[in-house]
C-alpha atoms as a PDB file:
ATOM      1  CA  UNK A   1     103.326 214.325 217.803  1.00  0.00           C
ATOM      2  CA  UNK A   2     101.303 217.542 218.237  1.00  0.00           C
ATOM      3  CA  UNK A   3     104.432 219.693 218.188  1.00  0.00           C
ATOM      4  CA  UNK A   4     105.707 217.961 215.026  1.00  0.00           C
ATOM      5  CA  UNK A   5     102.549 219.114 213.215  1.00  0.00           C
ATOM      6  CA  UNK A   6     103.133 222.662 214.469  1.00  0.00           C
ATOM      7  CA  UNK A   7     106.747 222.509 213.305  1.00  0.00           C
ATOM      8  CA  UNK A   8     105.602 221.540 209.783  1.00  0.00           C
ATOM      9  CA  UNK A   9     103.100 224.410 209.673  1.00  0.00           C
ATOM     10  CA  UNK A  10     105.744 226.924 210.719  1.00  0.00           C
ATOM     11  CA  UNK A  11     108.560 225.595 208.522  1.00  0.00           C
ATOM     12  CA  UNK A  12     108.552 228.662 206.226  1.00  0.00           C
ATOM     13  CA  UNK A  13     108.635 230.994 209.242  1.00  0.00           C
ATOM     14  CA  UNK A  14     111.403 228.861 210.723  1.00  0.00           C
ATOM     15  CA  UNK A  15     113.424 229.029 207.504  1.00  0.00           C
ATOM     16  CA  UNK A  16     113.025 232.817 207.256  1.00  0.00           C
ATOM     17  CA  UNK A  17     114.011 233.293 210.911  1.00  0.00           C
ATOM     18  CA  UNK A  18     116.999 230.989 210.442  1.00  0.00           C
ATOM     19  CA  UNK A  19     118.211 232.930 207.396  1.00  0.00           C
ATOM     20  CA  UNK A  20     117.757 236.266 209.191  1.00  0.00           C
ATOM     21  CA  UNK A  21     119.590 235.173 212.342  1.00  0.00           C
ATOM     22  CA  UNK A  22     122.303 233.426 210.343  1.00  0.00           C
ATOM     23  CA  UNK A  23     122.731 236.617 208.291  1.00  0.00           C
ATOM     24  CA  UNK A  24     123.283 238.507 211.533  1.00  0.00           C
ATOM     25  CA  UNK A  25     126.236 236.238 212.281  1.00  0.00           C
ATOM     26  CA  UNK A  26     124.533 234.024 214.851  1.00  0.00           C
ATOM     27  CA  UNK A  27     125.449 230.360 214.696  1.00  0.00           C
ATOM     28  CA  UNK A  28     123.309 227.464 215.885  1.00  0.00           C
ATOM     29  CA  UNK A  29     125.752 226.945 218.770  1.00  0.00           C
ATOM     30  CA  UNK A  30     125.292 230.580 219.879  1.00  0.00           C
ATOM     31  CA  UNK A  31     121.561 229.967 220.117  1.00  0.00           C
ATOM     32  CA  UNK A  32     122.042 226.627 221.879  1.00  0.00           C
ATOM     33  CA  UNK A  33     124.249 228.433 224.417  1.00  0.00           C
ATOM     34  CA  UNK A  34     121.478 230.991 224.957  1.00  0.00           C
ATOM     35  CA  UNK A  35     119.046 228.113 225.411  1.00  0.00           C
ATOM     36  CA  UNK A  36     121.277 226.807 228.203  1.00  0.00           C
ATOM     37  CA  UNK A  37     121.659 230.231 229.846  1.00  0.00           C
ATOM     38  CA  UNK A  38     117.905 230.868 229.894  1.00  0.00           C
ATOM     39  CA  UNK A  39     117.297 227.286 231.059  1.00  0.00           C
ATOM     40  CA  UNK A  40     119.709 227.810 233.951  1.00  0.00           C
ATOM     41  CA  UNK A  41     117.898 231.039 234.826  1.00  0.00           C
ATOM     42  CA  UNK A  42     114.550 229.256 234.729  1.00  0.00           C
ATOM     43  CA  UNK A  43     115.866 226.523 237.007  1.00  0.00           C
ATOM     44  CA  UNK A  44     117.126 229.048 239.532  1.00  0.00           C
ATOM     45  CA  UNK A  45     113.797 230.908 239.431  1.00  0.00           C
ATOM     46  CA  UNK A  46     111.933 227.628 240.039  1.00  0.00           C
ATOM     47  CA  UNK A  47     114.123 226.778 243.023  1.00  0.00           C
ATOM     48  CA  UNK A  48     113.245 230.172 244.500  1.00  0.00           C
ATOM     49  CA  UNK A  49     109.513 229.839 243.827  1.00  0.00           C
ATOM     50  CA  UNK A  50     109.478 232.580 241.166  1.00  0.00           C
ATOM     51  CA  UNK A  51     107.315 230.574 238.786  1.00  0.00           C
ATOM     52  CA  UNK A  52     106.134 233.304 236.421  1.00  0.00           C
ATOM     53  CA  UNK A  53     109.713 234.427 235.841  1.00  0.00           C
ATOM     54  CA  UNK A  54     110.652 230.770 235.366  1.00  0.00           C
ATOM     55  CA  UNK A  55     107.916 230.355 232.769  1.00  0.00           C
ATOM     56  CA  UNK A  56     109.151 233.368 230.806  1.00  0.00           C
ATOM     57  CA  UNK A  57     112.762 232.172 230.932  1.00  0.00           C
ATOM     58  CA  UNK A  58     111.741 228.643 229.998  1.00  0.00           C
ATOM     59  CA  UNK A  59     109.724 229.884 227.031  1.00  0.00           C
ATOM     60  CA  UNK A  60     112.646 232.027 225.831  1.00  0.00           C
ATOM     61  CA  UNK A  61     114.898 228.975 226.226  1.00  0.00           C
ATOM     62  CA  UNK A  62     112.423 227.002 224.113  1.00  0.00           C
ATOM     63  CA  UNK A  63     112.431 229.668 221.408  1.00  0.00           C
ATOM     64  CA  UNK A  64     116.246 229.552 221.344  1.00  0.00           C
ATOM     65  CA  UNK A  65     116.054 225.753 221.055  1.00  0.00           C
ATOM     66  CA  UNK A  66     113.683 226.105 218.098  1.00  0.00           C
ATOM     67  CA  UNK A  67     115.819 228.772 216.429  1.00  0.00           C
ATOM     68  CA  UNK A  68     119.135 226.913 216.716  1.00  0.00           C
ATOM     69  CA  UNK A  69     117.761 224.232 214.424  1.00  0.00           C
ATOM     70  CA  UNK A  70     116.290 226.882 212.128  1.00  0.00           C
ATOM     71  CA  UNK A  71     119.651 228.562 211.666  1.00  0.00           C
ATOM     72  CA  UNK A  72     121.389 225.214 211.194  1.00  0.00           C
ATOM     73  CA  UNK A  73     118.961 224.159 208.435  1.00  0.00           C
ATOM     74  CA  UNK A  74     118.634 227.568 206.732  1.00  0.00           C
ATOM     75  CA  UNK A  75     122.375 228.232 206.636  1.00  0.00           C
ATOM     76  CA  UNK A  76     123.585 224.666 206.005  1.00  0.00           C
ATOM     77  CA  UNK A  77     125.383 224.648 209.351  1.00  0.00           C
ATOM     78  CA  UNK A  78     124.139 221.303 210.642  1.00  0.00           C
ATOM     79  CA  UNK A  79     127.039 219.461 212.263  1.00  0.00           C
ATOM     80  CA  UNK A  80     127.382 216.315 214.327  1.00  0.00           C
ATOM     81  CA  UNK A  81     128.824 218.355 217.194  1.00  0.00           C
ATOM     82  CA  UNK A  82     125.916 220.812 216.956  1.00  0.00           C
ATOM     83  CA  UNK A  83     123.462 217.933 217.240  1.00  0.00           C
ATOM     84  CA  UNK A  84     125.328 216.575 220.256  1.00  0.00           C
ATOM     85  CA  UNK A  85     125.520 220.021 221.875  1.00  0.00           C
ATOM     86  CA  UNK A  86     121.809 220.673 221.287  1.00  0.00           C
ATOM     87  CA  UNK A  87     120.772 217.271 222.631  1.00  0.00           C
ATOM     88  CA  UNK A  88     123.010 217.639 225.691  1.00  0.00           C
ATOM     89  CA  UNK A  89     121.656 221.107 226.484  1.00  0.00           C
ATOM     90  CA  UNK A  90     118.073 219.875 226.065  1.00  0.00           C
ATOM     91  CA  UNK A  91     118.636 217.048 228.552  1.00  0.00           C
ATOM     92  CA  UNK A  92     120.620 219.204 230.991  1.00  0.00           C
ATOM     93  CA  UNK A  93     118.065 222.016 231.116  1.00  0.00           C
ATOM     94  CA  UNK A  94     115.186 219.586 231.609  1.00  0.00           C
ATOM     95  CA  UNK A  95     117.037 217.722 234.381  1.00  0.00           C
ATOM     96  CA  UNK A  96     117.799 221.039 236.089  1.00  0.00           C
ATOM     97  CA  UNK A  97     114.112 221.974 236.028  1.00  0.00           C
ATOM     98  CA  UNK A  98     113.190 218.771 237.855  1.00  0.00           C
ATOM     99  CA  UNK A  99     116.019 219.226 240.352  1.00  0.00           C
ATOM    100  CA  UNK A 100     114.917 222.825 240.940  1.00  0.00           C
ATOM    101  CA  UNK A 101     111.382 221.637 241.665  1.00  0.00           C
ATOM    102  CA  UNK A 102     112.769 219.219 244.260  1.00  0.00           C
ATOM    103  CA  UNK A 103     114.817 222.034 245.810  1.00  0.00           C
ATOM    104  CA  UNK A 104     111.787 224.301 245.909  1.00  0.00           C
ATOM    105  CA  UNK A 105     109.628 221.673 247.606  1.00  0.00           C
ATOM    106  CA  UNK A 106     111.172 218.409 248.843  1.00  0.00           C
ATOM    107  CA  UNK A 107     107.772 216.719 248.522  1.00  0.00           C
ATOM    108  CA  UNK A 108     108.252 217.031 244.734  1.00  0.00           C
ATOM    109  CA  UNK A 109     111.566 215.178 244.823  1.00  0.00           C
ATOM    110  CA  UNK A 110     110.218 211.656 244.224  1.00  0.00           C
ATOM    111  CA  UNK A 111     108.065 212.752 241.278  1.00  0.00           C
ATOM    112  CA  UNK A 112     111.007 214.714 239.886  1.00  0.00           C
ATOM    113  CA  UNK A 113     113.348 211.731 240.176  1.00  0.00           C
ATOM    114  CA  UNK A 114     110.836 209.435 238.496  1.00  0.00           C
ATOM    115  CA  UNK A 115     110.311 211.963 235.691  1.00  0.00           C
ATOM    116  CA  UNK A 116     114.078 212.315 235.154  1.00  0.00           C
ATOM    117  CA  UNK A 117     114.586 208.548 235.164  1.00  0.00           C
ATOM    118  CA  UNK A 118     111.834 207.747 232.704  1.00  0.00           C
ATOM    119  CA  UNK A 119     112.495 210.559 230.235  1.00  0.00           C
ATOM    120  CA  UNK A 120     116.213 209.760 230.230  1.00  0.00           C
ATOM    121  CA  UNK A 121     115.443 206.072 229.670  1.00  0.00           C
ATOM    122  CA  UNK A 122     113.204 206.924 226.720  1.00  0.00           C
ATOM    123  CA  UNK A 123     115.967 209.116 225.323  1.00  0.00           C
ATOM    124  CA  UNK A 124     118.514 206.338 225.811  1.00  0.00           C
ATOM    125  CA  UNK A 125     116.300 203.812 224.036  1.00  0.00           C
ATOM    126  CA  UNK A 126     115.832 206.246 221.156  1.00  0.00           C
ATOM    127  CA  UNK A 127     119.541 207.018 220.735  1.00  0.00           C
ATOM    128  CA  UNK A 128     120.655 203.411 221.128  1.00  0.00           C
ATOM    129  CA  UNK A 129     117.999 202.155 218.723  1.00  0.00           C
ATOM    130  CA  UNK A 130     119.050 204.712 216.116  1.00  0.00           C
ATOM    131  CA  UNK A 131     122.707 203.759 216.518  1.00  0.00           C
ATOM    132  CA  UNK A 132     121.730 200.107 216.032  1.00  0.00           C
ATOM    133  CA  UNK A 133     119.806 200.790 212.825  1.00  0.00           C
ATOM    134  CA  UNK A 134     116.382 201.194 214.408  1.00  0.00           C
ATOM    135  CA  UNK A 135     114.163 204.238 214.776  1.00  0.00           C
ATOM    136  CA  UNK A 136     114.586 206.999 217.311  1.00  0.00           C
ATOM    137  CA  UNK A 137     111.979 209.329 218.737  1.00  0.00           C
ATOM    138  CA  UNK A 138     108.262 208.885 218.804  1.00  0.00           C
ATOM    139  CA  UNK A 139     105.946 207.823 221.553  1.00  0.00           C
ATOM    140  CA  UNK A 140     103.100 209.292 223.507  1.00  0.00           C
ATOM    141  CA  UNK A 141     105.104 212.078 225.219  1.00  0.00           C
ATOM    142  CA  UNK A 142     108.296 213.831 224.181  1.00  0.00           C
ATOM    143  CA  UNK A 143     110.294 216.812 225.420  1.00  0.00           C
ATOM    144  CA  UNK A 144     108.045 219.569 224.142  1.00  0.00           C
ATOM    145  CA  UNK A 145     104.958 218.000 225.668  1.00  0.00           C
ATOM    146  CA  UNK A 146     106.795 217.541 228.986  1.00  0.00           C
ATOM    147  CA  UNK A 147     107.833 221.205 228.973  1.00  0.00           C
ATOM    148  CA  UNK A 148     104.244 222.300 228.253  1.00  0.00           C
ATOM    149  CA  UNK A 149     103.070 220.193 231.202  1.00  0.00           C
ATOM    150  CA  UNK A 150     105.762 221.687 233.444  1.00  0.00           C
ATOM    151  CA  UNK A 151     104.728 225.216 232.453  1.00  0.00           C
ATOM    152  CA  UNK A 152     101.116 224.334 233.291  1.00  0.00           C
ATOM    153  CA  UNK A 153     102.324 222.944 236.629  1.00  0.00           C
ATOM    154  CA  UNK A 154     104.176 226.166 237.395  1.00  0.00           C
ATOM    155  CA  UNK A 155     101.044 228.162 236.624  1.00  0.00           C
ATOM    156  CA  UNK A 156      99.065 225.959 239.026  1.00  0.00           C
ATOM    157  CA  UNK A 157     101.753 224.745 241.421  1.00  0.00           C
ATOM    158  CA  UNK A 158      99.264 222.803 243.569  1.00  0.00           C
ATOM    159  CA  UNK A 159      98.936 220.334 240.650  1.00  0.00           C
ATOM    160  CA  UNK A 160     102.683 219.876 240.158  1.00  0.00           C
ATOM    161  CA  UNK A 161     102.906 216.570 242.085  1.00  0.00           C
ATOM    162  CA  UNK A 162     100.264 215.051 239.802  1.00  0.00           C
ATOM    163  CA  UNK A 163     101.947 216.484 236.719  1.00  0.00           C
ATOM    164  CA  UNK A 164     105.303 215.009 237.691  1.00  0.00           C
ATOM    165  CA  UNK A 165     103.778 211.556 238.175  1.00  0.00           C
ATOM    166  CA  UNK A 166     101.875 211.956 234.912  1.00  0.00           C
ATOM    167  CA  UNK A 167     105.116 212.844 233.098  1.00  0.00           C
ATOM    168  CA  UNK A 168     106.873 209.874 234.693  1.00  0.00           C
ATOM    169  CA  UNK A 169     104.073 207.444 233.795  1.00  0.00           C
ATOM    170  CA  UNK A 170     103.687 208.628 230.216  1.00  0.00           C
ATOM    171  CA  UNK A 171     107.462 208.804 229.708  1.00  0.00           C
ATOM    172  CA  UNK A 172     107.566 205.161 230.814  1.00  0.00           C
ATOM    173  CA  UNK A 173     104.845 204.334 228.293  1.00  0.00           C
ATOM    174  CA  UNK A 174     106.996 206.118 225.689  1.00  0.00           C
ATOM    175  CA  UNK A 175     109.892 203.868 226.735  1.00  0.00           C
ATOM    176  CA  UNK A 176     107.755 200.805 226.154  1.00  0.00           C
ATOM    177  CA  UNK A 177     106.540 202.115 222.794  1.00  0.00           C
ATOM    178  CA  UNK A 178     110.059 202.876 221.592  1.00  0.00           C
ATOM    179  CA  UNK A 179     111.417 199.589 222.879  1.00  0.00           C
ATOM    180  CA  UNK A 180     108.649 197.524 221.313  1.00  0.00           C
ATOM    181  CA  UNK A 181     108.864 199.322 217.953  1.00  0.00           C
ATOM    182  CA  UNK A 182     112.593 198.707 217.815  1.00  0.00           C
ATOM    183  CA  UNK A 183     112.221 195.157 219.066  1.00  0.00           C
ATOM    184  CA  UNK A 184     110.108 194.483 215.990  1.00  0.00           C
ATOM    185  CA  UNK A 185     112.562 196.304 213.683  1.00  0.00           C
ATOM    186  CA  UNK A 186     115.817 194.883 215.058  1.00  0.00           C
ATOM    187  CA  UNK A 187     115.009 191.310 216.069  1.00  0.00           C
END
């Protein structure tokens, strides 16, 4: 959605960055590994209540996630394993963020569990639909929007319960959107 438009606007910057990093010998999987490392650091910082550090680490993780695809496209290094690795790391780091929030404050556990459940269901619908000949992705809220909301919640932690329920509700709407779209395509 919003982030897809940004990605299109920055495609030339992305290509240049990908070529530069690829020329330095970095592979997409190196950057995906860094994404995981910074995501793990962010999760630990969240669990300890160090939200500004968590935000910085999460943003660096997001940059690494953006750059792994840039290097893959710019250097013709897109592989099926790389896609699987990237997708797995994306899901793992996001799940760890929600778990860390529940560890930081047990009152956030229900919202975190609902957010995990609904975003994973939307991801499952997307992947299964694609494998069945349908369309993946799309919907009212995707990973980048969820991460932006989580960063906002860490900046104003008193709103985090509402943000978690918002993410869960809108991820469920995304599930319905993806399911209905593919129902029409695959029936």
